[in-house]
N, C-alpha and C. Protein backbone atom coordinates (compact mmCIF):
# COMPACT_ATOMS: atom_id res chain seq x y z
N MET A 1 16.31 30.32 -7.39
CA MET A 1 14.91 30.32 -6.99
C MET A 1 14.67 31.52 -6.09
N ALA A 2 13.65 32.30 -6.43
CA ALA A 2 13.33 33.49 -5.66
C ALA A 2 12.68 33.11 -4.35
N ALA A 3 12.92 33.93 -3.34
CA ALA A 3 12.33 33.69 -2.02
C ALA A 3 10.83 33.96 -2.06
N LEU A 4 10.11 33.23 -1.22
CA LEU A 4 8.67 33.43 -1.10
C LEU A 4 8.41 34.51 -0.06
N SER A 5 7.41 35.35 -0.34
CA SER A 5 7.01 36.35 0.65
C SER A 5 5.70 35.91 1.28
N THR A 6 5.42 36.40 2.48
CA THR A 6 4.18 36.07 3.17
C THR A 6 3.40 37.35 3.39
N LYS A 7 2.10 37.29 3.02
CA LYS A 7 1.25 38.46 3.23
C LYS A 7 -0.21 38.03 3.18
N VAL A 8 -1.07 38.97 3.56
CA VAL A 8 -2.52 38.78 3.53
C VAL A 8 -3.08 39.61 2.38
N PHE A 9 -4.02 39.02 1.65
CA PHE A 9 -4.65 39.76 0.56
C PHE A 9 -6.14 39.48 0.58
N LYS A 10 -6.95 40.56 0.51
CA LYS A 10 -8.41 40.43 0.43
C LYS A 10 -8.84 40.80 -0.98
N TYR A 11 -9.57 39.89 -1.60
CA TYR A 11 -10.09 40.13 -2.95
C TYR A 11 -11.41 40.89 -2.87
N SER A 12 -11.81 41.51 -3.97
CA SER A 12 -13.03 42.32 -3.98
C SER A 12 -14.29 41.50 -3.73
N ASP A 13 -14.27 40.17 -4.00
CA ASP A 13 -15.45 39.33 -3.76
C ASP A 13 -15.55 38.84 -2.32
N GLY A 14 -14.58 39.21 -1.48
CA GLY A 14 -14.58 38.79 -0.08
C GLY A 14 -13.65 37.63 0.23
N THR A 15 -13.10 37.01 -0.80
CA THR A 15 -12.11 35.94 -0.60
C THR A 15 -10.88 36.53 0.08
N GLU A 16 -10.31 35.77 1.02
CA GLU A 16 -9.10 36.23 1.71
C GLU A 16 -8.05 35.13 1.68
N TYR A 17 -6.84 35.52 1.34
CA TYR A 17 -5.70 34.59 1.34
C TYR A 17 -4.61 35.12 2.25
N GLU A 18 -4.12 34.24 3.10
CA GLU A 18 -2.98 34.57 3.94
C GLU A 18 -1.95 33.47 3.75
N GLY A 19 -0.77 33.85 3.30
CA GLY A 19 0.25 32.84 3.10
C GLY A 19 1.38 33.32 2.22
N GLN A 20 2.03 32.36 1.63
CA GLN A 20 3.21 32.63 0.82
C GLN A 20 2.84 32.91 -0.63
N TRP A 21 3.66 33.76 -1.25
CA TRP A 21 3.48 34.17 -2.64
C TRP A 21 4.82 34.01 -3.35
N ASN A 22 4.77 33.71 -4.63
CA ASN A 22 6.02 33.66 -5.40
C ASN A 22 6.29 35.04 -6.03
N ALA A 23 7.40 35.15 -6.71
CA ALA A 23 7.80 36.43 -7.30
C ALA A 23 6.84 36.90 -8.39
N ASP A 24 6.05 35.97 -8.96
CA ASP A 24 5.08 36.32 -10.00
C ASP A 24 3.74 36.78 -9.41
N GLY A 25 3.65 36.87 -8.06
CA GLY A 25 2.43 37.31 -7.41
C GLY A 25 1.35 36.24 -7.33
N GLU A 26 1.77 34.97 -7.36
CA GLU A 26 0.83 33.85 -7.26
C GLU A 26 0.93 33.21 -5.88
N LYS A 27 -0.20 32.71 -5.39
CA LYS A 27 -0.18 31.93 -4.15
C LYS A 27 0.75 30.75 -4.40
N HIS A 28 1.74 30.59 -3.53
CA HIS A 28 2.74 29.55 -3.76
C HIS A 28 3.45 29.25 -2.43
N GLY A 29 3.37 28.01 -1.99
CA GLY A 29 3.92 27.64 -0.69
C GLY A 29 2.76 27.23 0.21
N VAL A 30 2.82 27.61 1.45
CA VAL A 30 1.78 27.26 2.41
C VAL A 30 0.89 28.47 2.65
N GLY A 31 -0.43 28.22 2.68
CA GLY A 31 -1.33 29.33 2.91
C GLY A 31 -2.71 28.88 3.34
N SER A 32 -3.55 29.89 3.57
CA SER A 32 -4.91 29.69 4.02
C SER A 32 -5.83 30.55 3.17
N LEU A 33 -6.86 29.93 2.58
CA LEU A 33 -7.79 30.63 1.71
C LEU A 33 -9.19 30.49 2.27
N THR A 34 -9.85 31.64 2.51
CA THR A 34 -11.24 31.64 2.98
C THR A 34 -12.10 32.25 1.90
N LEU A 35 -13.14 31.51 1.50
CA LEU A 35 -14.04 31.96 0.43
C LEU A 35 -15.24 32.71 1.02
N PRO A 36 -15.93 33.52 0.22
CA PRO A 36 -17.07 34.30 0.71
C PRO A 36 -18.17 33.46 1.36
N ASP A 37 -18.35 32.20 0.92
CA ASP A 37 -19.40 31.36 1.50
C ASP A 37 -19.00 30.71 2.82
N GLY A 38 -17.77 30.97 3.27
CA GLY A 38 -17.27 30.41 4.52
C GLY A 38 -16.43 29.17 4.35
N SER A 39 -16.36 28.63 3.13
CA SER A 39 -15.47 27.49 2.87
C SER A 39 -14.04 27.92 3.13
N HIS A 40 -13.22 26.96 3.57
CA HIS A 40 -11.86 27.30 3.98
C HIS A 40 -10.89 26.21 3.54
N TYR A 41 -9.79 26.60 2.91
CA TYR A 41 -8.72 25.68 2.53
C TYR A 41 -7.45 26.10 3.24
N ARG A 42 -6.74 25.12 3.77
CA ARG A 42 -5.44 25.37 4.40
C ARG A 42 -4.50 24.30 3.90
N GLY A 43 -3.39 24.70 3.33
CA GLY A 43 -2.43 23.72 2.84
C GLY A 43 -1.44 24.33 1.87
N GLN A 44 -1.01 23.51 0.94
CA GLN A 44 0.02 23.89 -0.01
C GLN A 44 -0.59 24.44 -1.29
N PHE A 45 0.12 25.41 -1.88
CA PHE A 45 -0.26 26.02 -3.14
C PHE A 45 0.92 25.96 -4.10
N ALA A 46 0.61 25.91 -5.39
CA ALA A 46 1.63 26.01 -6.44
C ALA A 46 1.02 26.79 -7.60
N SER A 47 1.71 27.83 -8.02
CA SER A 47 1.26 28.65 -9.16
C SER A 47 -0.18 29.12 -9.01
N GLY A 48 -0.57 29.50 -7.80
CA GLY A 48 -1.88 30.08 -7.56
C GLY A 48 -2.99 29.13 -7.18
N LEU A 49 -2.76 27.81 -7.29
CA LEU A 49 -3.81 26.83 -7.00
C LEU A 49 -3.39 25.88 -5.89
N SER A 50 -4.39 25.31 -5.20
CA SER A 50 -4.09 24.31 -4.17
C SER A 50 -3.42 23.11 -4.85
N SER A 51 -2.24 22.79 -4.40
CA SER A 51 -1.46 21.68 -4.95
C SER A 51 -0.55 21.15 -3.86
N GLY A 52 -0.63 19.84 -3.62
CA GLY A 52 0.11 19.22 -2.53
C GLY A 52 -0.89 18.78 -1.47
N LEU A 53 -0.45 18.75 -0.24
CA LEU A 53 -1.34 18.34 0.85
C LEU A 53 -2.16 19.51 1.35
N GLY A 54 -3.45 19.24 1.64
CA GLY A 54 -4.30 20.30 2.14
C GLY A 54 -5.59 19.77 2.73
N VAL A 55 -6.29 20.67 3.41
CA VAL A 55 -7.59 20.37 4.02
C VAL A 55 -8.58 21.42 3.56
N MET A 56 -9.70 20.95 3.02
CA MET A 56 -10.77 21.84 2.58
C MET A 56 -12.00 21.55 3.41
N ILE A 57 -12.53 22.59 4.06
CA ILE A 57 -13.77 22.46 4.83
C ILE A 57 -14.79 23.35 4.13
N PHE A 58 -15.87 22.74 3.67
CA PHE A 58 -16.89 23.46 2.92
C PHE A 58 -17.91 24.10 3.85
N SER A 59 -18.63 25.08 3.34
CA SER A 59 -19.59 25.82 4.15
C SER A 59 -20.72 24.93 4.67
N ASP A 60 -21.00 23.80 4.00
CA ASP A 60 -22.06 22.90 4.47
C ASP A 60 -21.57 21.91 5.53
N GLY A 61 -20.27 21.99 5.89
CA GLY A 61 -19.71 21.11 6.91
C GLY A 61 -19.00 19.89 6.36
N SER A 62 -19.12 19.63 5.06
CA SER A 62 -18.37 18.51 4.48
C SER A 62 -16.90 18.90 4.39
N SER A 63 -16.03 17.89 4.26
CA SER A 63 -14.59 18.19 4.24
C SER A 63 -13.83 17.18 3.39
N TYR A 64 -12.65 17.61 2.96
CA TYR A 64 -11.72 16.74 2.25
C TYR A 64 -10.34 17.02 2.81
N ALA A 65 -9.58 15.96 3.07
CA ALA A 65 -8.19 16.09 3.49
C ALA A 65 -7.37 15.12 2.66
N GLY A 66 -6.30 15.62 2.07
CA GLY A 66 -5.44 14.76 1.27
C GLY A 66 -4.70 15.52 0.20
N ASP A 67 -4.50 14.84 -0.93
CA ASP A 67 -3.71 15.37 -2.04
C ASP A 67 -4.56 16.25 -2.96
N PHE A 68 -3.96 17.36 -3.39
CA PHE A 68 -4.55 18.28 -4.37
C PHE A 68 -3.58 18.45 -5.53
N THR A 69 -4.12 18.67 -6.71
CA THR A 69 -3.33 19.05 -7.88
C THR A 69 -4.14 20.04 -8.69
N ARG A 70 -3.54 21.18 -9.01
CA ARG A 70 -4.18 22.23 -9.80
C ARG A 70 -5.59 22.58 -9.30
N GLY A 71 -5.74 22.64 -7.98
CA GLY A 71 -6.99 23.09 -7.38
C GLY A 71 -8.06 22.02 -7.20
N LYS A 72 -7.75 20.77 -7.49
CA LYS A 72 -8.74 19.69 -7.38
C LYS A 72 -8.20 18.55 -6.52
N PHE A 73 -9.14 17.76 -5.96
CA PHE A 73 -8.75 16.55 -5.24
C PHE A 73 -8.09 15.63 -6.27
N ASN A 74 -6.88 15.22 -6.01
CA ASN A 74 -6.13 14.37 -6.94
C ASN A 74 -5.15 13.55 -6.14
N GLY A 75 -5.22 12.24 -6.26
CA GLY A 75 -4.34 11.36 -5.50
C GLY A 75 -5.14 10.67 -4.42
N TYR A 76 -4.58 10.60 -3.22
CA TYR A 76 -5.24 9.92 -2.10
C TYR A 76 -5.83 10.93 -1.13
N GLY A 77 -6.99 10.58 -0.56
CA GLY A 77 -7.59 11.45 0.42
C GLY A 77 -8.87 10.86 1.00
N VAL A 78 -9.44 11.64 1.92
CA VAL A 78 -10.68 11.24 2.60
C VAL A 78 -11.67 12.39 2.47
N TYR A 79 -12.85 12.07 1.94
CA TYR A 79 -13.94 13.04 1.81
C TYR A 79 -15.05 12.61 2.75
N VAL A 80 -15.52 13.55 3.57
CA VAL A 80 -16.62 13.29 4.51
C VAL A 80 -17.73 14.29 4.23
N ARG A 81 -18.91 13.77 3.88
CA ARG A 81 -20.06 14.63 3.66
C ARG A 81 -20.60 15.15 4.98
N GLN A 82 -21.44 16.17 4.92
CA GLN A 82 -22.01 16.75 6.13
C GLN A 82 -22.83 15.74 6.92
N ASP A 83 -23.39 14.72 6.25
CA ASP A 83 -24.17 13.69 6.95
C ASP A 83 -23.30 12.54 7.46
N LYS A 84 -21.96 12.68 7.35
CA LYS A 84 -20.95 11.73 7.83
C LYS A 84 -20.72 10.55 6.88
N MET A 85 -21.34 10.55 5.69
CA MET A 85 -20.98 9.54 4.69
C MET A 85 -19.56 9.84 4.26
N MET A 86 -18.74 8.80 4.09
CA MET A 86 -17.31 9.00 3.87
C MET A 86 -16.80 8.13 2.71
N TYR A 87 -15.88 8.69 1.95
CA TYR A 87 -15.15 7.94 0.93
C TYR A 87 -13.67 8.09 1.23
N GLN A 88 -12.97 6.96 1.32
CA GLN A 88 -11.53 6.93 1.56
C GLN A 88 -10.90 6.23 0.38
N GLY A 89 -10.01 6.92 -0.32
CA GLY A 89 -9.38 6.26 -1.47
C GLY A 89 -8.76 7.23 -2.44
N GLN A 90 -8.81 6.84 -3.71
CA GLN A 90 -8.18 7.60 -4.77
C GLN A 90 -9.17 8.60 -5.39
N PHE A 91 -8.62 9.75 -5.80
CA PHE A 91 -9.40 10.79 -6.46
C PHE A 91 -8.70 11.21 -7.75
N LEU A 92 -9.49 11.65 -8.70
CA LEU A 92 -8.97 12.17 -9.96
C LEU A 92 -9.84 13.34 -10.38
N ASP A 93 -9.24 14.49 -10.61
CA ASP A 93 -9.97 15.68 -11.06
C ASP A 93 -11.16 16.02 -10.18
N GLY A 94 -11.02 15.85 -8.87
CA GLY A 94 -12.04 16.26 -7.92
C GLY A 94 -13.13 15.25 -7.63
N ARG A 95 -12.99 14.03 -8.11
CA ARG A 95 -14.03 13.02 -7.87
C ARG A 95 -13.39 11.68 -7.49
N PRO A 96 -14.15 10.84 -6.79
CA PRO A 96 -13.65 9.50 -6.48
C PRO A 96 -13.39 8.74 -7.78
N GLU A 97 -12.18 8.30 -7.96
CA GLU A 97 -11.80 7.60 -9.18
C GLU A 97 -10.61 6.72 -8.83
N GLY A 98 -10.80 5.43 -8.92
CA GLY A 98 -9.76 4.48 -8.54
C GLY A 98 -10.26 3.62 -7.39
N TYR A 99 -9.34 3.11 -6.60
CA TYR A 99 -9.71 2.20 -5.51
C TYR A 99 -10.06 2.96 -4.24
N GLY A 100 -11.13 2.47 -3.57
CA GLY A 100 -11.54 3.12 -2.34
C GLY A 100 -12.66 2.38 -1.65
N LEU A 101 -13.14 3.00 -0.58
CA LEU A 101 -14.17 2.42 0.28
C LEU A 101 -15.15 3.51 0.68
N THR A 102 -16.45 3.21 0.55
CA THR A 102 -17.50 4.12 1.00
C THR A 102 -18.05 3.62 2.33
N THR A 103 -18.19 4.52 3.28
CA THR A 103 -18.80 4.20 4.58
C THR A 103 -20.01 5.10 4.74
N PHE A 104 -21.16 4.49 5.02
CA PHE A 104 -22.41 5.23 5.18
C PHE A 104 -22.52 5.80 6.58
N PRO A 105 -23.43 6.78 6.78
CA PRO A 105 -23.54 7.42 8.10
C PRO A 105 -23.76 6.46 9.26
N ASP A 106 -24.38 5.30 9.00
CA ASP A 106 -24.61 4.33 10.08
C ASP A 106 -23.40 3.44 10.35
N GLY A 107 -22.28 3.68 9.64
CA GLY A 107 -21.05 2.91 9.84
C GLY A 107 -20.93 1.69 8.95
N SER A 108 -21.98 1.38 8.19
CA SER A 108 -21.93 0.22 7.30
C SER A 108 -21.26 0.60 5.98
N HIS A 109 -20.96 -0.41 5.19
CA HIS A 109 -20.34 -0.20 3.88
C HIS A 109 -21.26 -0.61 2.74
N GLY A 110 -22.53 -0.90 3.08
CA GLY A 110 -23.50 -1.27 2.06
C GLY A 110 -23.52 -2.77 1.79
N ILE A 111 -24.57 -3.19 1.10
CA ILE A 111 -24.71 -4.58 0.69
C ILE A 111 -25.02 -4.56 -0.79
N PRO A 112 -24.17 -5.01 -1.67
CA PRO A 112 -22.84 -5.53 -1.35
C PRO A 112 -21.92 -4.39 -0.90
N ARG A 113 -20.82 -4.78 -0.30
CA ARG A 113 -19.84 -3.83 0.26
C ARG A 113 -19.36 -2.88 -0.84
N ASN A 114 -19.42 -1.58 -0.56
CA ASN A 114 -18.98 -0.54 -1.51
C ASN A 114 -17.48 -0.34 -1.40
N GLU A 115 -16.75 -1.32 -1.82
CA GLU A 115 -15.29 -1.29 -1.78
C GLU A 115 -14.78 -1.84 -3.10
N GLY A 116 -13.82 -1.14 -3.69
CA GLY A 116 -13.25 -1.61 -4.94
C GLY A 116 -12.87 -0.46 -5.84
N TYR A 117 -13.08 -0.67 -7.13
CA TYR A 117 -12.68 0.31 -8.13
C TYR A 117 -13.87 1.21 -8.49
N PHE A 118 -13.71 2.53 -8.28
CA PHE A 118 -14.75 3.50 -8.57
C PHE A 118 -14.42 4.25 -9.85
N GLU A 119 -15.48 4.54 -10.61
CA GLU A 119 -15.34 5.33 -11.82
C GLU A 119 -16.59 6.18 -11.97
N ASN A 120 -16.42 7.48 -12.22
CA ASN A 120 -17.55 8.40 -12.33
C ASN A 120 -18.52 8.27 -11.16
N PHE A 121 -18.00 8.27 -9.95
CA PHE A 121 -18.76 8.23 -8.70
C PHE A 121 -19.44 6.88 -8.43
N LYS A 122 -19.22 5.87 -9.26
CA LYS A 122 -19.90 4.59 -9.09
C LYS A 122 -18.89 3.47 -8.90
N LEU A 123 -19.27 2.51 -8.05
CA LEU A 123 -18.46 1.31 -7.87
C LEU A 123 -18.58 0.48 -9.14
N LYS A 124 -17.48 0.28 -9.83
CA LYS A 124 -17.48 -0.47 -11.08
C LYS A 124 -17.09 -1.92 -10.89
N ARG A 125 -16.22 -2.16 -9.88
CA ARG A 125 -15.73 -3.51 -9.66
C ARG A 125 -15.41 -3.69 -8.19
N ALA A 126 -16.09 -4.65 -7.56
CA ALA A 126 -15.80 -4.96 -6.16
C ALA A 126 -14.41 -5.58 -6.06
N ASP A 127 -13.64 -5.12 -5.09
CA ASP A 127 -12.27 -5.60 -4.92
C ASP A 127 -11.77 -5.13 -3.56
N LYS A 128 -10.81 -5.83 -3.01
CA LYS A 128 -10.19 -5.40 -1.75
C LYS A 128 -9.39 -4.13 -2.01
N SER A 129 -9.56 -3.16 -1.14
CA SER A 129 -8.90 -1.87 -1.30
C SER A 129 -8.17 -1.42 -0.06
N HIS A 130 -7.85 -2.36 0.83
CA HIS A 130 -7.26 -2.03 2.12
C HIS A 130 -6.01 -1.15 1.98
N THR A 131 -5.11 -1.49 1.07
CA THR A 131 -3.88 -0.72 0.90
C THR A 131 -4.19 0.71 0.47
N HIS A 132 -5.16 0.88 -0.42
CA HIS A 132 -5.52 2.22 -0.90
C HIS A 132 -6.21 3.03 0.19
N VAL A 133 -7.03 2.38 0.99
CA VAL A 133 -7.69 3.06 2.11
C VAL A 133 -6.64 3.53 3.12
N GLN A 134 -5.65 2.68 3.38
CA GLN A 134 -4.56 3.08 4.29
C GLN A 134 -3.80 4.29 3.75
N LYS A 135 -3.51 4.28 2.45
CA LYS A 135 -2.80 5.41 1.83
C LYS A 135 -3.65 6.68 1.91
N ALA A 136 -4.96 6.54 1.72
CA ALA A 136 -5.85 7.70 1.81
C ALA A 136 -5.87 8.27 3.22
N ASN A 137 -5.96 7.40 4.21
CA ASN A 137 -5.95 7.86 5.60
C ASN A 137 -4.63 8.50 5.97
N LEU A 138 -3.53 7.96 5.48
CA LEU A 138 -2.21 8.53 5.74
C LEU A 138 -2.10 9.92 5.10
N ALA A 139 -2.55 10.05 3.86
CA ALA A 139 -2.52 11.36 3.19
C ALA A 139 -3.37 12.37 3.95
N ALA A 140 -4.55 11.95 4.42
CA ALA A 140 -5.44 12.84 5.17
C ALA A 140 -4.78 13.28 6.48
N GLU A 141 -4.16 12.35 7.19
CA GLU A 141 -3.48 12.70 8.45
C GLU A 141 -2.32 13.66 8.21
N LYS A 142 -1.52 13.39 7.19
CA LYS A 142 -0.41 14.30 6.85
C LYS A 142 -0.93 15.69 6.50
N ALA A 143 -2.01 15.74 5.72
CA ALA A 143 -2.60 17.02 5.35
C ALA A 143 -3.05 17.79 6.57
N LYS A 144 -3.70 17.10 7.51
CA LYS A 144 -4.16 17.76 8.73
C LYS A 144 -2.99 18.28 9.56
N GLN A 145 -1.91 17.49 9.65
CA GLN A 145 -0.73 17.92 10.40
C GLN A 145 -0.08 19.13 9.76
N HIS A 146 0.01 19.14 8.44
CA HIS A 146 0.64 20.25 7.73
C HIS A 146 -0.22 21.50 7.69
N SER A 147 -1.52 21.35 7.94
CA SER A 147 -2.40 22.51 7.84
C SER A 147 -2.59 23.22 9.19
N ASN A 148 -1.99 22.69 10.23
CA ASN A 148 -2.11 23.35 11.55
C ASN A 148 -1.11 24.47 11.70
C-alpha cells in the first residue's frame, strides 16, 4: 500500500481541499473540503469522495454529522436544518431512509410522533427507534471528534 501524501489544492472554481491524497491523485484519508458557496466538509475520504465519518456544514447553516459513502449520507447520522428541525437515524443515498426520529424546532416530535421507519422522506410506519437514534447520535459524535 502506497503512502498517503498531504497537500493543499485549489480548484479553478474556488473549491479548496486540504488533506491526504493517494498515489492516484485522489482525495483519500482525512481532509477538509471547502466549496465556493462556503459549505465545508471535514472527515474521511476514499477514492476522491467523502466516505467514512465526516461533518458537512452547508452555507445555509444546516449540517450533517455521521456516516458517508461515495459522497452521500449513508448509514447513521444526524441532520439539522438551519431552522433547528432535526432528523436522527438511518440514511441511504443522501436521504432519511430507515429508522429514525424527527424533532421539530419547538422540541416536539409531532402528533402523531414522527418516529419509526422512513422512506422517501416520509414516515411510513410508526415504530420505536430508540436504538437507531442512539446509533445515529454516536456516529455524529464520532464524526465530530474525528473532524477536529
